[in-house]
Amino acid sequence: MLIAHDGEWTRRRIDGPDGARRFAHRLAIPIYDVRLVGYPQRMRDYNERRKRAAN
């Protein structure tokens, strides 16, 4: 899952954990294991804003 600075996110299939690490390294972006650290607060805030805007 890629998460932007404002919390917008997209999910894409990638070739396992090693593939994710290579991808992040190639783009020089941080990588986090959601199983260890959970979903970022900015993502949860973004989802909440979208939910409120839809109503």
PDB file of N, CA and C in Angstrom:
ATOM      1  N   MET A   1       0.845  -1.146   0.000  1.00  0.00           N
ATOM      2  CA  MET A   1       0.000   0.000   0.000  1.00  0.00           C
ATOM      3  C   MET A   1       0.904   1.226   0.000  1.00  0.00           C
ATOM      4  N   LEU A   2       0.594   2.163  -0.865  1.00  0.00           N
ATOM      5  CA  LEU A   2       1.330   3.429  -0.915  1.00  0.00           C
ATOM      6  C   LEU A   2       0.455   4.491  -0.276  1.00  0.00           C
ATOM      7  N   ILE A   3       1.030   5.267   0.635  1.00  0.00           N
ATOM      8  CA  ILE A   3       0.274   6.285   1.350  1.00  0.00           C
ATOM      9  C   ILE A   3       0.985   7.624   1.176  1.00  0.00           C
ATOM     10  N   ALA A   4       0.245   8.600   0.629  1.00  0.00           N
ATOM     11  CA  ALA A   4       0.795   9.935   0.389  1.00  0.00           C
ATOM     12  C   ALA A   4       0.876  10.730   1.687  1.00  0.00           C
ATOM     13  N   HIS A   5       1.539  11.872   1.609  1.00  0.00           N
ATOM     14  CA  HIS A   5       1.717  12.726   2.786  1.00  0.00           C
ATOM     15  C   HIS A   5       0.395  13.183   3.385  1.00  0.00           C
ATOM     16  N   ASP A   6      -0.670  13.300   2.551  1.00  0.00           N
ATOM     17  CA  ASP A   6      -1.973  13.759   3.049  1.00  0.00           C
ATOM     18  C   ASP A   6      -2.881  12.599   3.449  1.00  0.00           C
ATOM     19  N   GLY A   7      -2.391  11.378   3.318  1.00  0.00           N
ATOM     20  CA  GLY A   7      -3.163  10.209   3.717  1.00  0.00           C
ATOM     21  C   GLY A   7      -3.850   9.485   2.583  1.00  0.00           C
ATOM     22  N   GLU A   8      -3.891  10.099   1.394  1.00  0.00           N
ATOM     23  CA  GLU A   8      -4.472   9.392   0.252  1.00  0.00           C
ATOM     24  C   GLU A   8      -3.671   8.120   0.031  1.00  0.00           C
ATOM     25  N   TRP A   9      -4.341   7.044  -0.362  1.00  0.00           N
ATOM     26  CA  TRP A   9      -3.639   5.767  -0.476  1.00  0.00           C
ATOM     27  C   TRP A   9      -4.129   4.982  -1.685  1.00  0.00           C
ATOM     28  N   THR A  10      -3.292   4.063  -2.096  1.00  0.00           N
ATOM     29  CA  THR A  10      -3.635   3.117  -3.150  1.00  0.00           C
ATOM     30  C   THR A  10      -2.976   1.796  -2.804  1.00  0.00           C
ATOM     31  N   ARG A  11      -3.622   0.730  -3.205  1.00  0.00           N
ATOM     32  CA  ARG A  11      -3.103  -0.610  -2.914  1.00  0.00           C
ATOM     33  C   ARG A  11      -2.753  -1.266  -4.249  1.00  0.00           C
ATOM     34  N   ARG A  12      -1.567  -1.807  -4.338  1.00  0.00           N
ATOM     35  CA  ARG A  12      -1.116  -2.507  -5.545  1.00  0.00           C
ATOM     36  C   ARG A  12      -0.409  -3.785  -5.144  1.00  0.00           C
ATOM     37  N   ARG A  13      -0.559  -4.795  -5.970  1.00  0.00           N
ATOM     38  CA  ARG A  13       0.132  -6.068  -5.738  1.00  0.00           C
ATOM     39  C   ARG A  13       1.607  -5.893  -6.104  1.00  0.00           C
ATOM     40  N   ILE A  14       2.452  -6.460  -5.272  1.00  0.00           N
ATOM     41  CA  ILE A  14       3.899  -6.398  -5.503  1.00  0.00           C
ATOM     42  C   ILE A  14       4.481  -7.754  -5.134  1.00  0.00           C
ATOM     43  N   ASP A  15       5.661  -8.010  -5.561  1.00  0.00           N
ATOM     44  CA  ASP A  15       6.281  -9.317  -5.416  1.00  0.00           C
ATOM     45  C   ASP A  15       6.792  -9.584  -3.999  1.00  0.00           C
ATOM     46  N   GLY A  16       5.914  -9.624  -3.024  1.00  0.00           N
ATOM     47  CA  GLY A  16       6.277  -9.987  -1.657  1.00  0.00           C
ATOM     48  C   GLY A  16       7.058  -8.930  -0.918  1.00  0.00           C
ATOM     49  N   PRO A  17       7.444  -9.218   0.313  1.00  0.00           N
ATOM     50  CA  PRO A  17       8.165  -8.251   1.148  1.00  0.00           C
ATOM     51  C   PRO A  17       9.496  -7.801   0.550  1.00  0.00           C
ATOM     52  N   ASP A  18      10.236  -8.720  -0.041  1.00  0.00           N
ATOM     53  CA  ASP A  18      11.513  -8.329  -0.655  1.00  0.00           C
ATOM     54  C   ASP A  18      11.286  -7.403  -1.836  1.00  0.00           C
ATOM     55  N   GLY A  19      10.276  -7.686  -2.624  1.00  0.00           N
ATOM     56  CA  GLY A  19       9.933  -6.814  -3.750  1.00  0.00           C
ATOM     57  C   GLY A  19       9.518  -5.435  -3.274  1.00  0.00           C
ATOM     58  N   ALA A  20       8.770  -5.374  -2.182  1.00  0.00           N
ATOM     59  CA  ALA A  20       8.354  -4.086  -1.619  1.00  0.00           C
ATOM     60  C   ALA A  20       9.569  -3.293  -1.150  1.00  0.00           C
ATOM     61  N   ARG A  21      10.507  -3.966  -0.499  1.00  0.00           N
ATOM     62  CA  ARG A  21      11.721  -3.275  -0.041  1.00  0.00           C
ATOM     63  C   ARG A  21      12.533  -2.748  -1.224  1.00  0.00           C
ATOM     64  N   ARG A  22      12.678  -3.548  -2.264  1.00  0.00           N
ATOM     65  CA  ARG A  22      13.420  -3.096  -3.457  1.00  0.00           C
ATOM     66  C   ARG A  22      12.728  -1.894  -4.089  1.00  0.00           C
ATOM     67  N   PHE A  23      11.401  -1.967  -4.207  1.00  0.00           N
ATOM     68  CA  PHE A  23      10.617  -0.880  -4.790  1.00  0.00           C
ATOM     69  C   PHE A  23      10.809   0.407  -3.985  1.00  0.00           C
ATOM     70  N   ALA A  24      10.673   0.324  -2.670  1.00  0.00           N
ATOM     71  CA  ALA A  24      10.826   1.502  -1.810  1.00  0.00           C
ATOM     72  C   ALA A  24      12.244   2.058  -1.899  1.00  0.00           C
ATOM     73  N   HIS A  25      13.223   1.180  -1.910  1.00  0.00           N
ATOM     74  CA  HIS A  25      14.618   1.621  -2.006  1.00  0.00           C
ATOM     75  C   HIS A  25      14.861   2.327  -3.332  1.00  0.00           C
ATOM     76  N   ARG A  26      14.342   1.757  -4.413  1.00  0.00           N
ATOM     77  CA  ARG A  26      14.535   2.342  -5.746  1.00  0.00           C
ATOM     78  C   ARG A  26      13.930   3.740  -5.821  1.00  0.00           C
ATOM     79  N   LEU A  27      12.781   3.961  -5.159  1.00  0.00           N
ATOM     80  CA  LEU A  27      12.124   5.273  -5.190  1.00  0.00           C
ATOM     81  C   LEU A  27      12.545   6.175  -4.036  1.00  0.00           C
ATOM     82  N   ALA A  28      13.395   5.653  -3.157  1.00  0.00           N
ATOM     83  CA  ALA A  28      13.862   6.402  -1.987  1.00  0.00           C
ATOM     84  C   ALA A  28      12.697   6.872  -1.122  1.00  0.00           C
ATOM     85  N   ILE A  29      11.764   5.938  -0.850  1.00  0.00           N
ATOM     86  CA  ILE A  29      10.625   6.238   0.024  1.00  0.00           C
ATOM     87  C   ILE A  29      10.680   5.306   1.225  1.00  0.00           C
ATOM     88  N   PRO A  30      10.156   5.754   2.359  1.00  0.00           N
ATOM     89  CA  PRO A  30      10.168   4.892   3.547  1.00  0.00           C
ATOM     90  C   PRO A  30       9.224   3.713   3.378  1.00  0.00           C
ATOM     91  N   ILE A  31       9.523   2.643   4.060  1.00  0.00           N
ATOM     92  CA  ILE A  31       8.677   1.452   4.025  1.00  0.00           C
ATOM     93  C   ILE A  31       8.408   1.023   5.467  1.00  0.00           C
ATOM     94  N   TYR A  32       7.154   0.678   5.736  1.00  0.00           N
ATOM     95  CA  TYR A  32       6.747   0.261   7.070  1.00  0.00           C
ATOM     96  C   TYR A  32       5.944  -1.024   6.950  1.00  0.00           C
ATOM     97  N   ASP A  33       6.078  -1.883   7.919  1.00  0.00           N
ATOM     98  CA  ASP A  33       5.292  -3.114   7.969  1.00  0.00           C
ATOM     99  C   ASP A  33       4.058  -2.831   8.810  1.00  0.00           C
ATOM    100  N   VAL A  34       2.894  -2.788   8.161  1.00  0.00           N
ATOM    101  CA  VAL A  34       1.651  -2.442   8.858  1.00  0.00           C
ATOM    102  C   VAL A  34       1.332  -3.448   9.962  1.00  0.00           C
ATOM    103  N   ARG A  35       1.819  -4.662   9.812  1.00  0.00           N
ATOM    104  CA  ARG A  35       1.596  -5.658  10.866  1.00  0.00           C
ATOM    105  C   ARG A  35       2.334  -5.293  12.152  1.00  0.00           C
ATOM    106  N   LEU A  36       3.393  -4.508  12.020  1.00  0.00           N
ATOM    107  CA  LEU A  36       4.181  -4.106  13.182  1.00  0.00           C
ATOM    108  C   LEU A  36       3.793  -2.726  13.709  1.00  0.00           C
ATOM    109  N   VAL A  37       3.523  -1.782  12.808  1.00  0.00           N
ATOM    110  CA  VAL A  37       3.299  -0.397  13.225  1.00  0.00           C
ATOM    111  C   VAL A  37       1.865   0.078  13.040  1.00  0.00           C
ATOM    112  N   GLY A  38       1.016  -0.721  12.386  1.00  0.00           N
ATOM    113  CA  GLY A  38      -0.360  -0.298  12.133  1.00  0.00           C
ATOM    114  C   GLY A  38      -0.447   0.683  10.973  1.00  0.00           C
ATOM    115  N   TYR A  39      -1.682   1.074  10.659  1.00  0.00           N
ATOM    116  CA  TYR A  39      -1.886   2.037   9.585  1.00  0.00           C
ATOM    117  C   TYR A  39      -1.570   3.438  10.093  1.00  0.00           C
ATOM    118  N   PRO A  40      -0.956   4.282   9.268  1.00  0.00           N
ATOM    119  CA  PRO A  40      -0.609   5.634   9.709  1.00  0.00           C
ATOM    120  C   PRO A  40      -1.864   6.457  10.041  1.00  0.00           C
ATOM    121  N   GLN A  41      -1.729   7.337  11.010  1.00  0.00           N
ATOM    122  CA  GLN A  41      -2.848   8.192  11.400  1.00  0.00           C
ATOM    123  C   GLN A  41      -3.335   9.027  10.220  1.00  0.00           C
ATOM    124  N   ARG A  42      -2.402   9.490   9.368  1.00  0.00           N
ATOM    125  CA  ARG A  42      -2.816  10.323   8.233  1.00  0.00           C
ATOM    126  C   ARG A  42      -3.743   9.570   7.297  1.00  0.00           C
ATOM    127  N   MET A  43      -3.547   8.257   7.172  1.00  0.00           N
ATOM    128  CA  MET A  43      -4.439   7.443   6.341  1.00  0.00           C
ATOM    129  C   MET A  43      -5.817   7.323   6.983  1.00  0.00           C
ATOM    130  N   ARG A  44      -5.851   7.092   8.276  1.00  0.00           N
ATOM    131  CA  ARG A  44      -7.133   6.991   8.976  1.00  0.00           C
ATOM    132  C   ARG A  44      -7.886   8.317   8.909  1.00  0.00           C
ATOM    133  N   ASP A  45      -7.150   9.440   9.050  1.00  0.00           N
ATOM    134  CA  ASP A  45      -7.776  10.766   8.948  1.00  0.00           C
ATOM    135  C   ASP A  45      -8.336  10.994   7.547  1.00  0.00           C
ATOM    136  N   TYR A  46      -7.584  10.600   6.530  1.00  0.00           N
ATOM    137  CA  TYR A  46      -8.034  10.747   5.141  1.00  0.00           C
ATOM    138  C   TYR A  46      -9.320   9.955   4.912  1.00  0.00           C
ATOM    139  N   ASN A  47      -9.358   8.712   5.382  1.00  0.00           N
ATOM    140  CA  ASN A  47     -10.559   7.886   5.217  1.00  0.00           C
ATOM    141  C   ASN A  47     -11.759   8.524   5.914  1.00  0.00           C
ATOM    142  N   GLU A  48     -11.537   9.096   7.085  1.00  0.00           N
ATOM    143  CA  GLU A  48     -12.615   9.757   7.818  1.00  0.00           C
ATOM    144  C   GLU A  48     -13.115  10.991   7.071  1.00  0.00           C
ATOM    145  N   ARG A  49     -12.203  11.783   6.516  1.00  0.00           N
ATOM    146  CA  ARG A  49     -12.612  12.963   5.732  1.00  0.00           C
ATOM    147  C   ARG A  49     -13.437  12.550   4.530  1.00  0.00           C
ATOM    148  N   ARG A  50     -13.021  11.498   3.853  1.00  0.00           N
ATOM    149  CA  ARG A  50     -13.785  11.016   2.677  1.00  0.00           C
ATOM    150  C   ARG A  50     -15.162  10.514   3.082  1.00  0.00           C
ATOM    151  N   LYS A  51     -15.236   9.821   4.207  1.00  0.00           N
ATOM    152  CA  LYS A  51     -16.511   9.310   4.679  1.00  0.00           C
ATOM    153  C   LYS A  51     -17.467  10.473   4.990  1.00  0.00           C
ATOM    154  N   ARG A  52     -16.957  11.506   5.671  1.00  0.00           N
ATOM    155  CA  ARG A  52     -17.794  12.671   6.016  1.00  0.00           C
ATOM    156  C   ARG A  52     -18.225  13.425   4.764  1.00  0.00           C
ATOM    157  N   ALA A  53     -17.340  13.539   3.765  1.00  0.00           N
ATOM    158  CA  ALA A  53     -17.658  14.261   2.529  1.00  0.00           C
ATOM    159  C   ALA A  53     -18.715  13.540   1.706  1.00  0.00           C
ATOM    160  N   ALA A  54     -18.769  12.220   1.826  1.00  0.00           N
ATOM    161  CA  ALA A  54     -19.750  11.433   1.051  1.00  0.00           C
ATOM    162  C   ALA A  54     -21.153  11.587   1.607  1.00  0.00           C
ATOM    163  N   ASN A  55     -21.284  11.997   2.847  1.00  0.00           N
ATOM    164  CA  ASN A  55     -22.616  12.144   3.476  1.00  0.00           C
ATOM    165  C   ASN A  55     -23.170  13.508   3.324  1.00  0.00           C
TER     166      ASN A  55
END
